[in-house]
Amino acid sequence: MICGIRVEDIAEPLMREIRYLDKLVDELARGKAIEKILRG
């Protein structure tokens, strides 16, 4: 779930990628290491 939307339900591949990047930025802003984020 990203921004209240299930990523699997997004049909448009570009929008799906944008949501993933949005979540990545959120995790980085919280201070998580990028290695931990990408590993999961």
C-alpha atoms as a PDB file:
ATOM      1  CA  MET A   1       0.000   0.000   0.000  1.00  0.00           C
ATOM      2  CA  ILE A   2       1.337   3.393  -0.999  1.00  0.00           C
ATOM      3  CA  CYS A   3      -0.674   6.558  -0.316  1.00  0.00           C
ATOM      4  CA  GLY A   4      -3.718   4.388   0.383  1.00  0.00           C
ATOM      5  CA  ILE A   5      -3.533   2.700  -3.036  1.00  0.00           C
ATOM      6  CA  ARG A   6      -2.599  -0.924  -3.628  1.00  0.00           C
ATOM      7  CA  VAL A   7       0.361  -0.963  -6.031  1.00  0.00           C
ATOM      8  CA  GLU A   8      -0.876  -4.235  -7.535  1.00  0.00           C
ATOM      9  CA  ASP A   9      -4.141  -2.532  -8.539  1.00  0.00           C
ATOM     10  CA  ILE A  10      -2.403   0.150 -10.633  1.00  0.00           C
ATOM     11  CA  ALA A  11      -2.707  -0.938 -14.259  1.00  0.00           C
ATOM     12  CA  GLU A  12      -0.420   1.729 -15.739  1.00  0.00           C
ATOM     13  CA  PRO A  13       3.220   0.544 -15.395  1.00  0.00           C
ATOM     14  CA  LEU A  14       4.580   4.101 -15.292  1.00  0.00           C
ATOM     15  CA  MET A  15       2.260   5.073 -12.432  1.00  0.00           C
ATOM     16  CA  ARG A  16       3.299   1.920 -10.580  1.00  0.00           C
ATOM     17  CA  GLU A  17       6.968   2.884 -10.910  1.00  0.00           C
ATOM     18  CA  ILE A  18       6.203   6.416  -9.701  1.00  0.00           C
ATOM     19  CA  ARG A  19       4.479   5.018  -6.597  1.00  0.00           C
ATOM     20  CA  TYR A  20       7.465   2.772  -5.862  1.00  0.00           C
ATOM     21  CA  LEU A  21       9.824   5.753  -6.159  1.00  0.00           C
ATOM     22  CA  ASP A  22       7.520   7.767  -3.908  1.00  0.00           C
ATOM     23  CA  LYS A  23       7.733   5.072  -1.242  1.00  0.00           C
ATOM     24  CA  LEU A  24      11.522   4.873  -1.634  1.00  0.00           C
ATOM     25  CA  VAL A  25      11.836   8.626  -1.068  1.00  0.00           C
ATOM     26  CA  ASP A  26       9.598   8.398   2.014  1.00  0.00           C
ATOM     27  CA  GLU A  27      11.762   5.660   3.512  1.00  0.00           C
ATOM     28  CA  LEU A  28      14.952   7.618   2.805  1.00  0.00           C
ATOM     29  CA  ALA A  29      13.415  10.718   4.406  1.00  0.00           C
ATOM     30  CA  ARG A  30      12.780   8.693   7.565  1.00  0.00           C
ATOM     31  CA  GLY A  31      16.493   7.919   7.736  1.00  0.00           C
ATOM     32  CA  LYS A  32      16.546   4.311   6.564  1.00  0.00           C
ATOM     33  CA  ALA A  33      19.647   3.100   4.757  1.00  0.00           C
ATOM     34  CA  ILE A  34      19.032   2.523   1.047  1.00  0.00           C
ATOM     35  CA  GLU A  35      20.584  -0.951   1.276  1.00  0.00           C
ATOM     36  CA  LYS A  36      17.959  -2.029   3.815  1.00  0.00           C
ATOM     37  CA  ILE A  37      15.121  -0.607   1.723  1.00  0.00           C
ATOM     38  CA  LEU A  38      16.168  -2.261  -1.539  1.00  0.00           C
ATOM     39  CA  ARG A  39      16.967  -5.595   0.126  1.00  0.00           C
ATOM     40  CA  GLY A  40      13.382  -5.999   1.350  1.00  0.00           C
END
